[in-house]
Amino acid sequence: MLENFRGNKIAEALINTVFKKCKEMGYTKIYLRTEHTAEYYQKRGWTFLENTVDEYGEETTVFYMSLK
């Protein structure tokens, strides 16, 4: 069922909304962590910060994006 929603750029629209709101609030940089979709964010211009292990022992990748 979820595959039916792939390719509709839903994630891109959500991310762009977050960018807009963060800029409105005066942020110049935002961060995110992901356990499974690092390649997705790398392809979209996010900058790799580090690989780490969270408080639950799960490996995660941290990225940031400068908001200009």
N, C-alpha and C. Protein backbone atom coordinates (compact mmCIF):
# COMPACT_ATOMS: atom_id res chain seq x y z
N MET A 1 0.80 -1.20 0.00
CA MET A 1 0.00 0.00 0.00
C MET A 1 0.85 1.26 0.00
N LEU A 2 1.87 1.34 0.85
CA LEU A 2 2.69 2.54 0.92
C LEU A 2 3.41 2.82 -0.39
N GLU A 3 3.70 1.79 -1.16
CA GLU A 3 4.37 1.97 -2.44
C GLU A 3 3.53 2.83 -3.38
N ASN A 4 2.21 2.85 -3.20
CA ASN A 4 1.34 3.66 -4.05
C ASN A 4 1.63 5.15 -3.92
N PHE A 5 2.24 5.55 -2.82
CA PHE A 5 2.51 6.96 -2.57
C PHE A 5 3.91 7.37 -3.02
N ARG A 6 4.75 6.42 -3.34
CA ARG A 6 6.12 6.73 -3.77
C ARG A 6 6.10 7.49 -5.08
N GLY A 7 7.04 8.42 -5.20
CA GLY A 7 7.17 9.17 -6.44
C GLY A 7 6.27 10.37 -6.54
N ASN A 8 5.49 10.64 -5.52
CA ASN A 8 4.58 11.79 -5.54
C ASN A 8 5.20 13.04 -4.92
N LYS A 9 6.46 12.95 -4.53
CA LYS A 9 7.22 14.07 -3.95
C LYS A 9 6.60 14.60 -2.66
N ILE A 10 5.99 13.71 -1.91
CA ILE A 10 5.40 14.09 -0.63
C ILE A 10 6.48 14.51 0.36
N ALA A 11 7.55 13.72 0.44
CA ALA A 11 8.65 14.05 1.36
C ALA A 11 9.27 15.39 0.99
N GLU A 12 9.45 15.63 -0.30
CA GLU A 12 10.03 16.90 -0.75
C GLU A 12 9.15 18.09 -0.33
N ALA A 13 7.85 17.94 -0.47
CA ALA A 13 6.93 19.02 -0.07
C ALA A 13 6.99 19.26 1.44
N LEU A 14 7.06 18.19 2.21
CA LEU A 14 7.16 18.34 3.67
C LEU A 14 8.47 19.02 4.07
N ILE A 15 9.56 18.60 3.45
CA ILE A 15 10.86 19.19 3.76
C ILE A 15 10.88 20.67 3.40
N ASN A 16 10.34 21.03 2.25
CA ASN A 16 10.30 22.44 1.84
C ASN A 16 9.46 23.27 2.80
N THR A 17 8.39 22.70 3.33
CA THR A 17 7.58 23.40 4.33
C THR A 17 8.38 23.62 5.61
N VAL A 18 9.14 22.62 6.02
CA VAL A 18 9.99 22.76 7.21
C VAL A 18 11.02 23.85 6.97
N PHE A 19 11.67 23.85 5.80
CA PHE A 19 12.64 24.90 5.48
C PHE A 19 12.01 26.28 5.62
N LYS A 20 10.85 26.45 5.01
CA LYS A 20 10.16 27.75 5.03
C LYS A 20 9.85 28.19 6.45
N LYS A 21 9.30 27.30 7.25
CA LYS A 21 8.94 27.65 8.64
C LYS A 21 10.18 27.97 9.46
N CYS A 22 11.24 27.19 9.28
CA CYS A 22 12.46 27.44 10.04
C CYS A 22 13.07 28.79 9.67
N LYS A 23 13.06 29.13 8.38
CA LYS A 23 13.55 30.44 7.95
C LYS A 23 12.72 31.55 8.57
N GLU A 24 11.39 31.38 8.58
CA GLU A 24 10.50 32.38 9.17
C GLU A 24 10.81 32.59 10.65
N MET A 25 11.25 31.52 11.31
CA MET A 25 11.55 31.59 12.73
C MET A 25 12.96 32.08 13.00
N GLY A 26 13.74 32.33 11.94
CA GLY A 26 15.06 32.89 12.10
C GLY A 26 16.20 31.89 12.16
N TYR A 27 15.93 30.63 11.94
CA TYR A 27 17.00 29.63 11.95
C TYR A 27 17.84 29.76 10.69
N THR A 28 19.13 29.53 10.83
CA THR A 28 20.02 29.57 9.67
C THR A 28 20.58 28.19 9.34
N LYS A 29 20.37 27.22 10.21
CA LYS A 29 20.84 25.86 9.99
C LYS A 29 19.89 24.90 10.70
N ILE A 30 19.60 23.77 10.05
CA ILE A 30 18.79 22.74 10.69
C ILE A 30 19.50 21.40 10.58
N TYR A 31 19.18 20.52 11.50
CA TYR A 31 19.82 19.20 11.58
C TYR A 31 18.76 18.12 11.47
N LEU A 32 19.20 16.95 11.00
CA LEU A 32 18.33 15.79 11.03
C LEU A 32 19.16 14.54 11.25
N ARG A 33 18.49 13.51 11.71
CA ARG A 33 19.12 12.21 11.87
C ARG A 33 18.26 11.19 11.15
N THR A 34 18.91 10.18 10.63
CA THR A 34 18.19 9.13 9.93
C THR A 34 18.89 7.80 10.15
N GLU A 35 18.10 6.77 10.22
CA GLU A 35 18.65 5.43 10.39
C GLU A 35 18.71 4.67 9.07
N HIS A 36 17.89 5.06 8.08
CA HIS A 36 17.78 4.25 6.87
C HIS A 36 17.83 5.05 5.56
N THR A 37 17.78 6.37 5.59
CA THR A 37 17.61 7.13 4.35
C THR A 37 18.72 8.16 4.13
N ALA A 38 19.94 7.85 4.56
CA ALA A 38 21.05 8.79 4.40
C ALA A 38 21.27 9.16 2.93
N GLU A 39 21.19 8.19 2.05
CA GLU A 39 21.42 8.46 0.62
C GLU A 39 20.40 9.46 0.08
N TYR A 40 19.16 9.36 0.51
CA TYR A 40 18.10 10.29 0.08
C TYR A 40 18.50 11.73 0.39
N TYR A 41 18.96 11.96 1.62
CA TYR A 41 19.30 13.32 2.03
C TYR A 41 20.60 13.80 1.38
N GLN A 42 21.57 12.91 1.22
CA GLN A 42 22.81 13.29 0.54
C GLN A 42 22.51 13.76 -0.89
N LYS A 43 21.65 13.06 -1.58
CA LYS A 43 21.31 13.43 -2.95
C LYS A 43 20.59 14.77 -3.02
N ARG A 44 20.02 15.21 -1.92
CA ARG A 44 19.26 16.45 -1.90
C ARG A 44 20.02 17.60 -1.25
N GLY A 45 21.33 17.44 -1.12
CA GLY A 45 22.17 18.55 -0.70
C GLY A 45 22.44 18.70 0.78
N TRP A 46 21.94 17.78 1.59
CA TRP A 46 22.24 17.84 3.02
C TRP A 46 23.72 17.51 3.22
N THR A 47 24.34 18.13 4.21
CA THR A 47 25.76 17.91 4.51
C THR A 47 25.89 16.90 5.64
N PHE A 48 26.69 15.86 5.38
CA PHE A 48 26.96 14.84 6.40
C PHE A 48 27.70 15.47 7.57
N LEU A 49 27.28 15.15 8.79
CA LEU A 49 27.96 15.64 9.98
C LEU A 49 28.68 14.49 10.69
N GLU A 50 27.95 13.41 10.98
CA GLU A 50 28.58 12.28 11.67
C GLU A 50 27.68 11.06 11.68
N ASN A 51 28.32 9.91 11.86
CA ASN A 51 27.60 8.68 12.20
C ASN A 51 27.74 8.52 13.69
N THR A 52 26.67 8.11 14.34
CA THR A 52 26.69 7.99 15.79
C THR A 52 25.75 6.88 16.22
N VAL A 53 25.72 6.62 17.49
CA VAL A 53 24.79 5.66 18.08
C VAL A 53 23.92 6.43 19.06
N ASP A 54 22.60 6.27 18.93
CA ASP A 54 21.70 7.03 19.79
C ASP A 54 21.56 6.38 21.17
N GLU A 55 20.73 6.98 21.98
CA GLU A 55 20.55 6.52 23.36
C GLU A 55 19.94 5.14 23.46
N TYR A 56 19.41 4.62 22.35
CA TYR A 56 18.81 3.28 22.33
C TYR A 56 19.74 2.25 21.69
N GLY A 57 20.96 2.68 21.35
CA GLY A 57 21.93 1.79 20.74
C GLY A 57 21.78 1.63 19.24
N GLU A 58 20.94 2.47 18.62
CA GLU A 58 20.72 2.37 17.18
C GLU A 58 21.69 3.29 16.42
N GLU A 59 22.32 2.73 15.39
CA GLU A 59 23.21 3.53 14.56
C GLU A 59 22.40 4.53 13.75
N THR A 60 22.87 5.77 13.71
CA THR A 60 22.16 6.82 13.02
C THR A 60 23.15 7.76 12.35
N THR A 61 22.71 8.40 11.29
CA THR A 61 23.53 9.37 10.56
C THR A 61 22.93 10.75 10.77
N VAL A 62 23.79 11.72 11.03
CA VAL A 62 23.36 13.09 11.28
C VAL A 62 23.80 13.97 10.11
N PHE A 63 22.86 14.80 9.64
CA PHE A 63 23.11 15.75 8.56
C PHE A 63 22.67 17.14 9.00
N TYR A 64 23.14 18.15 8.27
CA TYR A 64 22.62 19.50 8.47
C TYR A 64 22.43 20.17 7.12
N MET A 65 21.59 21.22 7.14
CA MET A 65 21.34 22.02 5.96
C MET A 65 21.40 23.48 6.36
N SER A 66 22.19 24.26 5.66
CA SER A 66 22.22 25.70 5.87
C SER A 66 21.02 26.31 5.15
N LEU A 67 20.35 27.21 5.82
CA LEU A 67 19.17 27.87 5.24
C LEU A 67 19.58 29.26 4.82
N LYS A 68 19.57 29.51 3.53
CA LYS A 68 20.02 30.81 3.02
C LYS A 68 18.85 31.64 2.58
